[in-house]
């Protein structure tokens, strides 16, 4: 899932979901970055000093170097290393089991904003496939599972007290990449309002949910984090 257009934009996770045991199995794969960095190296210091990626509309000051982004980025039909969380989520939107592991993945499709919205508006059970999503026809069922699961998890988090603030920018073309959600932008304790029509808002939500599970995981083992 990707909405940013700039080639300089930050790396994004890869997502997969399927129905399982009355609920869903969800996999969130993040690019293996830290495994490519020597602690204390010049690259490590560069990343620590930059702190985060900053978008200026049509350009970025990126956290990672161009070489590291190129090596770690997920690309369609190319194998690459990942760190994965695999979750079993029940029909109430609660994770009842999970695993973390290193993995190797090969993404099969890149879903953009237009394709996502065509799938959202498509009538259930429709047999005809619009021309603009024929290139991802083998991924439509998976995408529908991700859409349904994202709405379910958003409701679960809201009921649990998640704070959302309406920070959506108007869709002015000159704002370029700034109009889309920036996944992982909840470090201040709140999240932008969930927008199912924005591919990266879905990623932001699933990343938030994964981070909650990771926190539970660390606390269960008394690991400082």
Protein backbone atom coordinates (compact mmCIF):
# COMPACT_ATOMS: atom_id res chain seq x y z
CA UNK A 1 0.00 0.00 0.00
CA UNK A 2 1.48 3.34 -1.02
CA UNK A 3 0.25 6.87 -1.74
CA UNK A 4 3.48 8.91 -1.71
CA UNK A 5 4.80 9.70 -5.18
CA UNK A 6 8.33 10.92 -4.50
CA UNK A 7 11.16 8.43 -4.99
CA UNK A 8 12.80 10.02 -1.92
CA UNK A 9 9.90 9.18 0.40
CA UNK A 10 10.47 6.86 3.40
CA UNK A 11 10.20 3.08 3.34
CA UNK A 12 6.81 1.53 4.03
CA UNK A 13 5.73 -1.87 5.39
CA UNK A 14 4.18 -4.66 3.35
CA UNK A 15 0.80 -6.04 4.49
CA UNK A 16 -1.02 -9.34 4.05
CA UNK A 17 -4.30 -10.58 5.61
CA UNK A 18 -6.63 -13.54 5.22
CA UNK A 19 -9.71 -14.93 7.03
CA UNK A 20 -8.84 -17.46 9.76
CA UNK A 21 -10.73 -19.20 12.59
CA UNK A 22 -13.71 -16.82 12.39
CA UNK A 23 -11.39 -13.80 12.45
CA UNK A 24 -8.27 -12.90 10.51
CA UNK A 25 -4.57 -13.56 10.29
CA UNK A 26 -2.56 -10.40 9.70
CA UNK A 27 1.08 -10.10 8.69
CA UNK A 28 2.90 -6.76 8.92
CA UNK A 29 6.38 -6.86 7.38
CA UNK A 30 8.79 -3.96 7.94
CA UNK A 31 12.02 -3.53 5.97
CA UNK A 32 15.11 -4.89 7.73
CA UNK A 33 17.06 -1.67 8.37
CA UNK A 34 18.95 -2.02 11.66
CA UNK A 35 20.41 -5.35 10.50
CA UNK A 36 22.25 -3.42 7.78
CA UNK A 37 23.81 -0.87 10.17
CA UNK A 38 26.88 -1.20 12.39
CA UNK A 39 26.16 0.42 15.77
CA UNK A 40 28.41 3.42 16.36
CA UNK A 41 29.24 3.77 12.67
CA UNK A 42 29.02 7.01 10.71
CA UNK A 43 25.72 5.83 9.23
CA UNK A 44 24.37 5.11 12.72
CA UNK A 45 25.37 8.62 13.84
CA UNK A 46 23.77 10.12 10.71
CA UNK A 47 20.43 8.46 11.50
CA UNK A 48 20.53 9.44 15.18
CA UNK A 49 21.21 13.08 14.29
CA UNK A 50 18.43 13.26 11.71
CA UNK A 51 15.84 11.70 14.04
CA UNK A 52 13.07 11.40 11.40
CA UNK A 53 12.18 12.00 7.77
CA UNK A 54 10.72 15.41 6.92
CA UNK A 55 8.45 16.12 3.96
CA UNK A 56 8.59 19.49 2.20
CA UNK A 57 5.82 18.64 -0.29
CA UNK A 58 7.57 17.44 -3.42
CA UNK A 59 10.93 16.81 -1.72
CA UNK A 60 12.07 14.95 1.39
CA UNK A 61 14.85 15.16 3.93
CA UNK A 62 15.03 11.44 4.54
CA UNK A 63 16.09 9.71 7.71
CA UNK A 64 17.92 7.02 5.74
CA UNK A 65 20.59 7.40 3.09
CA UNK A 66 19.62 6.74 -0.52
CA UNK A 67 21.82 3.62 -0.57
CA UNK A 68 20.18 2.16 2.55
CA UNK A 69 16.68 2.96 1.25
CA UNK A 70 17.47 1.25 -2.04
CA UNK A 71 18.78 -1.88 -0.30
CA UNK A 72 15.99 -2.21 2.27
CA UNK A 73 12.95 -1.12 0.23
CA UNK A 74 10.24 -3.63 -0.66
CA UNK A 75 9.67 -3.88 -4.42
CA UNK A 76 7.15 -5.89 -6.40
CA UNK A 77 8.44 -9.32 -7.49
CA UNK A 78 11.76 -8.82 -5.67
CA UNK A 79 12.86 -10.82 -2.61
CA UNK A 80 14.05 -8.88 0.44
CA UNK A 81 14.56 -9.27 4.18
CA UNK A 82 11.91 -8.20 6.67
CA UNK A 83 10.99 -8.17 10.34
CA UNK A 84 7.50 -9.65 10.66
CA UNK A 85 4.69 -9.69 13.17
CA UNK A 86 2.08 -12.37 12.52
CA UNK A 87 -1.18 -11.92 14.44
CA UNK A 88 -4.32 -13.98 14.87
CA UNK A 89 -7.19 -11.51 15.41
CA UNK A 90 -10.66 -12.60 16.54
CA UNK A 91 -13.97 -11.24 15.26
CA UNK A 92 -13.99 -8.60 18.02
CA UNK A 93 -10.72 -7.13 16.72
CA UNK A 94 -8.53 -8.48 19.53
CA UNK A 95 -5.16 -10.14 18.92
CA UNK A 96 -5.31 -13.55 20.64
CA UNK A 97 -1.93 -14.81 19.45
CA UNK A 98 1.15 -13.37 17.77
CA UNK A 99 4.71 -14.12 16.71
CA UNK A 100 7.68 -11.92 15.81
CA UNK A 101 10.38 -13.23 13.47
CA UNK A 102 12.88 -12.41 10.77
CA UNK A 103 11.57 -13.33 7.34
CA UNK A 104 12.11 -13.12 3.61
CA UNK A 105 9.23 -11.78 1.52
CA UNK A 106 8.42 -11.15 -2.13
CA UNK A 107 5.65 -8.54 -2.55
CA UNK A 108 3.22 -9.30 -5.38
CA UNK A 109 1.48 -5.93 -5.86
CA UNK A 110 1.74 -2.21 -5.12
CA UNK A 111 -1.67 -0.72 -4.31
CA UNK A 112 -2.11 3.02 -4.89
CA UNK A 113 -4.83 5.40 -3.73
CA UNK A 114 -6.92 5.14 -6.90
CA UNK A 115 -6.90 1.33 -6.90
CA UNK A 116 -7.80 1.19 -3.20
CA UNK A 117 -10.82 3.42 -3.70
CA UNK A 118 -12.06 1.44 -6.70
CA UNK A 119 -12.00 -1.73 -4.58
CA UNK A 120 -13.76 0.06 -1.68
CA UNK A 121 -16.58 1.25 -3.98
CA UNK A 122 -16.89 -2.06 -5.86
CA UNK A 123 -20.15 -3.92 -5.23
CA UNK A 124 -19.78 -7.11 -3.14
CA UNK A 125 -19.72 -10.18 -5.37
CA UNK A 126 -19.19 -8.15 -8.55
CA UNK A 127 -17.82 -10.38 -11.33
CA UNK A 128 -16.53 -7.65 -13.63
CA UNK A 129 -13.16 -6.09 -12.83
CA UNK A 130 -12.62 -2.41 -13.76
CA UNK A 131 -9.69 -1.86 -16.12
CA UNK A 132 -7.76 0.20 -13.56
CA UNK A 133 -7.52 -2.72 -11.11
CA UNK A 134 -7.00 -5.60 -13.55
CA UNK A 135 -3.26 -5.46 -12.86
CA UNK A 136 -3.98 -6.34 -9.19
CA UNK A 137 -6.88 -8.74 -9.77
CA UNK A 138 -5.10 -11.57 -7.92
CA UNK A 139 -4.76 -9.33 -4.85
CA UNK A 140 -8.34 -8.02 -4.66
CA UNK A 141 -9.53 -10.60 -2.10
CA UNK A 142 -6.51 -9.87 0.09
CA UNK A 143 -7.12 -6.13 -0.20
CA UNK A 144 -10.78 -6.58 0.77
CA UNK A 145 -9.66 -8.50 3.87
CA UNK A 146 -7.25 -5.68 4.76
CA UNK A 147 -10.00 -3.07 4.31
CA UNK A 148 -12.48 -4.97 6.50
CA UNK A 149 -9.87 -5.73 9.16
CA UNK A 150 -8.65 -2.12 9.25
CA UNK A 151 -12.17 -0.83 9.96
CA UNK A 152 -12.58 -3.49 12.66
CA UNK A 153 -9.27 -2.63 14.36
CA UNK A 154 -9.97 1.10 14.20
CA UNK A 155 -13.26 0.55 16.04
CA UNK A 156 -11.45 -1.61 18.62
CA UNK A 157 -8.79 1.04 19.26
CA UNK A 158 -11.35 3.85 19.48
CA UNK A 159 -13.36 1.88 22.06
CA UNK A 160 -10.11 1.36 24.01
CA UNK A 161 -9.55 5.12 24.20
CA UNK A 162 -7.32 5.89 21.21
CA UNK A 163 -7.12 9.67 20.69
CA UNK A 164 -7.61 10.79 17.10
CA UNK A 165 -7.27 14.41 15.98
CA UNK A 166 -8.52 15.73 12.66
CA UNK A 167 -5.26 16.83 11.08
CA UNK A 168 -6.09 16.05 7.46
CA UNK A 169 -4.76 18.62 5.03
CA UNK A 170 -6.93 19.71 2.09
CA UNK A 171 -6.09 17.85 -1.10
CA UNK A 172 -4.29 20.70 -2.81
CA UNK A 173 -2.06 19.35 -5.57
CA UNK A 174 0.84 21.67 -4.68
CA UNK A 175 1.12 19.98 -1.27
CA UNK A 176 2.24 16.76 -3.01
CA UNK A 177 3.17 14.04 -0.49
CA UNK A 178 2.05 16.14 2.51
CA UNK A 179 -1.63 15.33 1.86
CA UNK A 180 -1.15 11.65 2.75
CA UNK A 181 -0.80 10.02 6.16
CA UNK A 182 2.72 9.52 7.46
CA UNK A 183 2.75 6.06 9.10
CA UNK A 184 4.24 6.01 12.58
CA UNK A 185 3.20 9.62 13.23
CA UNK A 186 1.56 8.83 16.58
CA UNK A 187 4.64 9.37 18.75
CA UNK A 188 2.96 12.35 20.46
CA UNK A 189 0.24 10.10 21.88
CA UNK A 190 -2.45 10.77 19.28
CA UNK A 191 -3.19 9.73 15.71
CA UNK A 192 -4.61 11.51 12.67
CA UNK A 193 -8.22 10.53 11.96
CA UNK A 194 -8.45 7.15 10.26
CA UNK A 195 -9.17 7.46 6.53
CA UNK A 196 -9.92 4.14 4.83
CA UNK A 197 -9.47 5.75 1.38
CA UNK A 198 -5.83 6.68 2.12
CA UNK A 199 -3.51 3.65 1.71
CA UNK A 200 -1.08 5.05 4.25
CA UNK A 201 -3.77 5.71 6.85
CA UNK A 202 -4.37 1.95 6.77
CA UNK A 203 -0.65 1.34 7.24
CA UNK A 204 -0.58 3.88 10.09
CA UNK A 205 -3.42 2.07 11.86
CA UNK A 206 -1.89 -1.40 11.44
CA UNK A 207 1.50 -0.09 12.55
CA UNK A 208 -0.11 1.43 15.66
CA UNK A 209 -1.82 -1.88 16.44
CA UNK A 210 1.44 -3.78 15.92
CA UNK A 211 3.27 -1.40 18.26
CA UNK A 212 0.65 -2.01 20.96
CA UNK A 213 1.22 -5.76 20.64
CA UNK A 214 4.99 -5.25 20.73
CA UNK A 215 4.63 -3.24 23.94
CA UNK A 216 2.55 -6.04 25.51
CA UNK A 217 5.17 -8.54 24.36
CA UNK A 218 8.04 -6.62 25.99
CA UNK A 219 6.13 -6.06 29.22
CA UNK A 220 5.27 -9.76 29.49
CA UNK A 221 8.98 -10.61 29.39
CA UNK A 222 10.07 -7.60 31.50
CA UNK A 223 12.14 -6.25 28.63
CA UNK A 224 13.01 -2.55 28.81
CA UNK A 225 11.78 -0.71 25.71
